[in-house]
Amino acid sequence: MNRAEFMSSLRRGLVGLPITTANEIASDYETHFEDGLAAGRTDAEVAEALGNPDRLARELRAEAGARRWDQEKNPSAAAAAIFAVLGLGAIDILILLPILMGVVGALFGFIMAAIGLFIGGGVVMVAGPFAGFPGGPFAAILGGLALIAGATAIGALTAVVTILLVNATVWYARLHYRLLKPALQPQAQASGDLT
């Protein structure tokens, strides 16, 4: 593989990252090629030492997604981190995607239940005193407040569980990368020789 093929493949794999981040990464790898050529190596030798550009791009995207989640902690960053982790490999997709879809479905169900309870509590609290609620108007107001409080508790617990699950996914991505690192170590040492 020559320099142009390597860089083209790496740039394709970095699509979706912020342009400045992708350009910085590409610039770093261009520097590796320049340093390797200055040391008397061929493009093919440098490309072999750097490793598979598709795998490098997946790992760099996963790390960027994890960093974004660490900085922003919002739904968009959570989605980016999860999809970056899933992008690490086809086996991960086959294993994690069904689990992830089940968990996301359950969380969505809890959110819908919380919304339903909140609206139901508001209806009971407002309409209950006029509809002849068992126990009288005071019981209707307290019953409505209880439903609203339960909905708020379910919503809060769902948010906490969601944050914990995204953190666990990011942890998994970093663990996955650390497990792959020994396989990349000879390549990393070779690329370290380039600098």
Protein backbone atom coordinates (compact mmCIF):
# COMPACT_ATOMS: atom_id res chain seq x y z
CA MET A 1 0.00 0.00 0.00
CA ASN A 2 1.44 3.38 -0.92
CA ARG A 3 1.04 6.72 0.84
CA ALA A 4 -1.88 7.94 -1.29
CA GLU A 5 -3.87 4.71 -0.79
CA PHE A 6 -3.22 4.72 2.95
CA MET A 7 -4.21 8.36 3.39
CA SER A 8 -7.28 7.98 1.17
CA SER A 9 -8.47 4.99 3.18
CA LEU A 10 -7.76 6.78 6.48
CA ARG A 11 -9.63 9.92 5.38
CA ARG A 12 -12.64 7.82 4.27
CA GLY A 13 -12.68 6.17 7.69
CA LEU A 14 -12.59 9.54 9.47
CA VAL A 15 -15.70 10.87 7.69
CA GLY A 16 -18.16 12.06 10.30
CA LEU A 17 -15.55 13.45 12.68
CA PRO A 18 -15.27 17.24 12.94
CA ILE A 19 -13.26 18.48 9.97
CA THR A 20 -10.53 20.04 12.14
CA THR A 21 -10.07 16.79 14.08
CA ALA A 22 -9.92 14.70 10.90
CA ASN A 23 -7.42 17.12 9.36
CA GLU A 24 -5.21 17.01 12.46
CA ILE A 25 -5.20 13.22 12.42
CA ALA A 26 -4.44 13.11 8.71
CA SER A 27 -1.65 15.65 9.20
CA ASP A 28 -0.12 13.48 11.94
CA TYR A 29 -0.08 10.45 9.63
CA GLU A 30 1.33 12.54 6.76
CA THR A 31 4.15 13.49 9.14
CA HIS A 32 4.83 9.79 9.79
CA PHE A 33 5.24 9.25 6.06
CA GLU A 34 7.53 12.27 5.68
CA ASP A 35 9.68 11.18 8.63
CA GLY A 36 9.84 7.63 7.26
CA LEU A 37 10.92 8.85 3.85
CA ALA A 38 13.58 11.04 5.48
CA ALA A 39 14.84 7.94 7.28
CA GLY A 40 15.13 6.07 3.98
CA ARG A 41 11.97 3.97 4.17
CA THR A 42 9.56 3.44 1.31
CA ASP A 43 5.87 4.41 1.42
CA ALA A 44 4.95 0.72 1.58
CA GLU A 45 7.21 0.14 4.60
CA VAL A 46 5.78 3.15 6.43
CA ALA A 47 2.19 2.12 5.62
CA GLU A 48 2.87 -1.41 6.86
CA ALA A 49 4.40 -0.06 10.08
CA LEU A 50 1.37 2.20 10.68
CA GLY A 51 -1.08 -0.67 10.27
CA ASN A 52 -4.49 -1.03 8.70
CA PRO A 53 -5.91 2.46 8.04
CA ASP A 54 -9.51 1.25 8.34
CA ARG A 55 -8.87 -0.18 11.79
CA LEU A 56 -6.97 2.95 12.82
CA ALA A 57 -9.89 5.11 11.70
CA ARG A 58 -12.40 3.02 13.67
CA GLU A 59 -10.28 3.26 16.82
CA LEU A 60 -9.75 7.00 16.38
CA ARG A 61 -13.49 7.53 15.85
CA ALA A 62 -14.27 5.50 18.99
CA GLU A 63 -11.83 7.55 21.05
CA ALA A 64 -13.22 10.82 19.64
CA GLY A 65 -16.75 9.71 20.54
CA ALA A 66 -15.67 8.82 24.06
CA ARG A 67 -13.90 12.18 24.50
CA ARG A 68 -16.98 14.04 23.24
CA TRP A 69 -19.19 12.21 25.76
CA ASP A 70 -16.72 13.05 28.56
CA GLN A 71 -16.88 16.73 27.62
CA GLU A 72 -20.54 17.29 26.70
CA LYS A 73 -22.78 14.70 28.43
CA ASN A 74 -25.77 15.29 26.12
CA PRO A 75 -27.92 12.91 24.02
CA SER A 76 -26.04 13.73 20.82
CA ALA A 77 -22.69 12.97 22.44
CA ALA A 78 -24.13 9.76 23.92
CA ALA A 79 -25.29 8.61 20.50
CA ALA A 80 -21.92 9.48 18.99
CA ALA A 81 -20.10 7.50 21.69
CA ILE A 82 -22.36 4.46 21.28
CA PHE A 83 -22.11 4.42 17.50
CA ALA A 84 -18.34 4.90 17.72
CA VAL A 85 -18.12 1.84 19.97
CA LEU A 86 -20.33 -0.16 17.63
CA GLY A 87 -18.08 0.86 14.78
CA LEU A 88 -15.10 -0.94 16.32
CA GLY A 89 -16.02 -4.22 14.73
CA ALA A 90 -18.67 -6.36 13.11
CA ILE A 91 -18.62 -8.86 15.97
CA ASP A 92 -19.37 -6.08 18.41
CA ILE A 93 -22.33 -5.05 16.29
CA LEU A 94 -23.66 -8.60 16.21
CA ILE A 95 -23.32 -8.92 19.97
CA LEU A 96 -24.01 -5.41 21.24
CA LEU A 97 -26.68 -4.18 18.85
CA PRO A 98 -29.44 -6.59 19.97
CA ILE A 99 -28.63 -5.89 23.61
CA LEU A 100 -28.44 -2.16 22.98
CA MET A 101 -31.76 -2.14 21.11
CA GLY A 102 -33.45 -3.99 23.97
CA VAL A 103 -32.04 -1.57 26.53
CA VAL A 104 -32.99 1.47 24.44
CA GLY A 105 -36.49 0.02 23.99
CA ALA A 106 -36.87 -0.51 27.74
CA LEU A 107 -35.63 3.02 28.50
CA PHE A 108 -38.03 4.43 25.91
CA GLY A 109 -40.85 2.45 27.59
CA PHE A 110 -39.97 3.91 30.98
CA ILE A 111 -39.90 7.43 29.54
CA MET A 112 -43.32 6.90 27.92
CA ALA A 113 -44.67 5.49 31.21
CA ALA A 114 -43.36 8.52 33.09
CA ILE A 115 -45.01 10.89 30.60
CA GLY A 116 -48.27 8.95 30.78
CA LEU A 117 -48.27 8.94 34.59
CA PHE A 118 -47.46 12.65 34.69
CA ILE A 119 -50.34 13.53 32.36
CA GLY A 120 -52.65 11.09 34.16
CA GLY A 121 -51.73 12.61 37.51
CA GLY A 122 -52.49 16.09 36.18
CA VAL A 123 -55.88 14.95 34.90
CA VAL A 124 -56.75 13.24 38.19
CA MET A 125 -55.61 16.26 40.19
CA VAL A 126 -57.58 18.77 38.09
CA ALA A 127 -60.68 16.78 37.11
CA GLY A 128 -60.89 14.43 40.12
CA PRO A 129 -62.45 16.93 42.54
CA PHE A 130 -65.25 17.64 40.05
CA ALA A 131 -65.79 14.05 38.89
CA GLY A 132 -66.68 12.58 42.25
CA PHE A 133 -63.33 10.92 42.94
CA PRO A 134 -63.60 8.29 45.73
CA GLY A 135 -62.52 9.91 48.96
CA GLY A 136 -63.48 13.41 47.92
CA PRO A 137 -61.68 16.32 46.32
CA PHE A 138 -58.74 16.25 48.74
CA ALA A 139 -58.06 12.57 47.93
CA ALA A 140 -58.21 13.40 44.18
CA ILE A 141 -55.65 16.17 44.56
CA LEU A 142 -53.33 13.96 46.65
CA GLY A 143 -53.78 11.04 44.23
CA GLY A 144 -52.89 13.27 41.28
CA LEU A 145 -49.83 14.60 43.11
CA ALA A 146 -48.77 11.05 43.92
CA LEU A 147 -48.97 10.04 40.25
CA ILE A 148 -46.98 13.13 39.23
CA ALA A 149 -44.35 12.38 41.89
CA GLY A 150 -44.11 8.78 40.73
CA ALA A 151 -43.69 9.93 37.13
CA THR A 152 -40.94 12.33 38.17
CA ALA A 153 -39.16 9.56 40.08
CA ILE A 154 -39.36 7.18 37.11
CA GLY A 155 -38.06 9.90 34.78
CA ALA A 156 -35.16 10.74 37.10
CA LEU A 157 -34.18 7.09 37.56
CA THR A 158 -34.38 6.54 33.80
CA ALA A 159 -32.06 9.51 33.23
CA VAL A 160 -29.56 8.18 35.80
CA VAL A 161 -29.63 4.68 34.29
CA THR A 162 -29.17 6.15 30.80
CA ILE A 163 -26.11 8.10 31.90
CA LEU A 164 -24.68 5.01 33.61
CA LEU A 165 -25.23 2.91 30.48
CA VAL A 166 -23.54 5.47 28.23
CA ASN A 167 -20.61 5.63 30.68
CA ALA A 168 -20.42 1.81 30.61
CA THR A 169 -20.41 1.88 26.81
CA VAL A 170 -17.56 4.40 26.78
CA TRP A 171 -15.70 2.27 29.32
CA TYR A 172 -16.21 -0.76 27.05
CA ALA A 173 -14.81 1.18 24.08
CA ARG A 174 -11.70 2.10 26.02
CA LEU A 175 -11.32 -1.47 27.28
CA HIS A 176 -11.77 -2.77 23.75
CA TYR A 177 -9.07 -0.40 22.54
CA ARG A 178 -6.72 -1.45 25.35
CA LEU A 179 -7.27 -5.10 24.45
CA LEU A 180 -6.45 -4.37 20.81
CA LYS A 181 -3.40 -2.31 21.74
CA PRO A 182 -1.09 -5.33 22.32
CA ALA A 183 -1.86 -6.52 18.81
CA LEU A 184 -0.98 -3.05 17.55
CA GLN A 185 2.14 -2.75 19.73
CA PRO A 186 4.68 -3.92 17.13
CA GLN A 187 3.16 -1.46 14.69
CA ALA A 188 3.23 1.31 17.26
CA GLN A 189 6.90 0.61 17.96
CA ALA A 190 7.65 0.65 14.25
CA SER A 191 5.77 3.91 13.81
CA GLY A 192 7.63 5.24 16.86
CA ASP A 193 10.85 4.48 15.01
CA LEU A 194 9.63 6.78 12.27
CA THR A 195 9.64 9.82 14.51
